[in-house]
Amino acid sequence: METLKLARELRPNATWGYYHYPFCNARGDHSDYSCSKDAMNYNNQLAFLYNASGALFPSIYLNGEKSSGEAFRYIQAVLNETKRIANEQETPLSYYMYTKFEYDPYKKPHWFYNQACSF
């Protein structure tokens, strides 16, 4: 908390928060599009942290090991938990998802790459 306080003093116009929060351990292999009850309880206990933040910065990185359906359900679970936490704070928080595109050009589903594409 002291680090966040100092950061706000040094950069008062910046939006501050913690990467990968709120936490969600959904695997996307069930159909309810939500994080586990344990993860939700954990996030509830971190209200002090969220109230001290200016925004939420959850992660929706995908490692390529999930099917498209599992990936969709996982991202929906993270988004749903983020919205829930953002709206339950003293002042509703903005949120910014962390993600990236990363391809392994020699593995499916990227069959259209070949050795000629390598630099």
Protein backbone atom coordinates (compact mmCIF):
# COMPACT_ATOMS: atom_id res chain seq x y z
CA MET A 1 0.00 0.00 0.00
CA GLU A 2 2.88 2.36 0.72
CA THR A 3 4.25 1.80 -2.78
CA LEU A 4 0.89 2.71 -4.27
CA LYS A 5 0.67 5.80 -2.08
CA LEU A 6 4.16 6.95 -3.12
CA ALA A 7 3.44 6.27 -6.80
CA ARG A 8 0.31 8.43 -6.59
CA GLU A 9 2.29 11.25 -4.98
CA LEU A 10 4.98 11.09 -7.66
CA ARG A 11 2.60 10.65 -10.60
CA PRO A 12 -0.75 12.13 -9.54
CA ASN A 13 -2.23 12.09 -13.06
CA ALA A 14 -1.52 8.39 -13.65
CA THR A 15 -3.98 5.57 -13.10
CA TRP A 16 -2.60 3.13 -10.55
CA GLY A 17 -3.47 -0.41 -9.60
CA TYR A 18 -2.08 -3.93 -9.47
CA TYR A 19 -1.51 -6.26 -12.40
CA HIS A 20 -3.50 -9.51 -12.47
CA TYR A 21 -6.16 -8.34 -10.01
CA PRO A 22 -8.86 -9.30 -9.47
CA PHE A 23 -7.74 -12.91 -9.36
CA CYS A 24 -9.69 -15.58 -11.24
CA ASN A 25 -8.84 -19.26 -11.38
CA ALA A 26 -11.48 -20.30 -13.89
CA ARG A 27 -10.26 -22.89 -16.35
CA GLY A 28 -13.06 -22.41 -18.84
CA ASP A 29 -14.03 -26.07 -18.72
CA HIS A 30 -17.44 -25.52 -17.17
CA SER A 31 -20.39 -23.59 -18.50
CA ASP A 32 -21.11 -21.05 -15.79
CA TYR A 33 -18.64 -18.40 -16.98
CA SER A 34 -17.46 -17.56 -13.46
CA CYS A 35 -14.45 -17.77 -11.21
CA SER A 36 -14.45 -20.25 -8.35
CA LYS A 37 -16.17 -19.34 -5.09
CA ASP A 38 -12.75 -19.39 -3.40
CA ALA A 39 -11.39 -16.84 -5.89
CA MET A 40 -14.45 -14.64 -5.41
CA ASN A 41 -14.08 -14.79 -1.62
CA TYR A 42 -10.37 -13.96 -1.96
CA ASN A 43 -11.23 -10.93 -4.11
CA ASN A 44 -13.84 -9.81 -1.58
CA GLN A 45 -11.13 -9.79 1.10
CA LEU A 46 -9.00 -7.49 -1.06
CA ALA A 47 -11.53 -4.65 -1.13
CA PHE A 48 -9.02 -2.45 0.74
CA LEU A 49 -6.56 -2.93 -2.13
CA TYR A 50 -9.11 -2.22 -4.83
CA ASN A 51 -10.40 0.88 -3.03
CA ALA A 52 -6.85 2.24 -2.89
CA SER A 53 -6.40 1.63 -6.64
CA GLY A 54 -7.54 3.81 -9.49
CA ALA A 55 -8.35 0.90 -11.80
CA LEU A 56 -8.23 -2.87 -12.14
CA PHE A 57 -5.71 -4.60 -14.42
CA PRO A 58 -6.75 -8.25 -14.84
CA SER A 59 -4.95 -10.65 -17.14
CA ILE A 60 -6.66 -12.51 -19.96
CA TYR A 61 -3.50 -13.98 -21.48
CA LEU A 62 -4.11 -17.27 -23.26
CA ASN A 63 -1.39 -19.87 -23.61
CA GLY A 64 -2.81 -21.70 -26.61
CA GLU A 65 -3.63 -24.83 -24.62
CA LYS A 66 -7.36 -24.09 -24.42
CA SER A 67 -9.95 -24.76 -27.08
CA SER A 68 -11.67 -21.67 -28.43
CA GLY A 69 -14.73 -22.46 -26.28
CA GLU A 70 -12.63 -22.86 -23.13
CA ALA A 71 -10.75 -19.64 -23.90
CA PHE A 72 -14.03 -17.78 -24.43
CA ARG A 73 -15.47 -19.05 -21.12
CA TYR A 74 -12.22 -18.22 -19.27
CA ILE A 75 -12.18 -14.64 -20.60
CA GLN A 76 -15.87 -14.23 -19.77
CA ALA A 77 -15.19 -15.44 -16.22
CA VAL A 78 -12.37 -12.91 -15.78
CA LEU A 79 -14.52 -10.11 -17.24
CA ASN A 80 -17.50 -11.01 -15.06
CA GLU A 81 -15.39 -11.06 -11.89
CA THR A 82 -13.69 -7.80 -12.86
CA LYS A 83 -17.04 -6.08 -13.44
CA ARG A 84 -18.35 -7.43 -10.12
CA ILE A 85 -15.33 -6.16 -8.18
CA ALA A 86 -15.22 -2.81 -10.04
CA ASN A 87 -18.85 -2.06 -9.23
CA GLU A 88 -18.66 -3.09 -5.56
CA GLN A 89 -16.03 -0.52 -4.59
CA GLU A 90 -16.68 2.80 -2.84
CA THR A 91 -16.13 4.47 -6.22
CA PRO A 92 -16.67 2.18 -9.23
CA LEU A 93 -13.35 1.41 -10.92
CA SER A 94 -12.30 1.39 -14.55
CA TYR A 95 -10.58 -1.74 -15.80
CA TYR A 96 -7.96 -2.47 -18.43
CA MET A 97 -7.37 -6.04 -19.58
CA TYR A 98 -3.85 -7.30 -20.16
CA THR A 99 -3.47 -9.52 -23.19
CA LYS A 100 -1.25 -10.05 -26.21
CA PHE A 101 -1.11 -11.98 -29.43
CA GLU A 102 1.65 -14.52 -29.58
CA TYR A 103 2.00 -17.19 -32.20
CA ASP A 104 4.19 -20.23 -32.44
CA PRO A 105 4.33 -20.34 -36.22
CA TYR A 106 5.13 -24.06 -36.38
CA LYS A 107 2.13 -25.30 -34.37
CA LYS A 108 -1.55 -25.51 -35.15
CA PRO A 109 -3.76 -23.60 -35.78
CA HIS A 110 -1.20 -21.57 -37.68
CA TRP A 111 -0.67 -24.12 -40.45
CA PHE A 112 -0.25 -21.34 -43.03
CA TYR A 113 3.23 -20.51 -41.69
CA ASN A 114 6.23 -22.41 -42.95
CA GLN A 115 10.02 -22.17 -42.89
CA ALA A 116 9.94 -19.59 -45.71
CA CYS A 117 8.17 -17.17 -43.35
CA SER A 118 11.04 -17.24 -40.85
CA PHE A 119 13.46 -14.36 -40.69
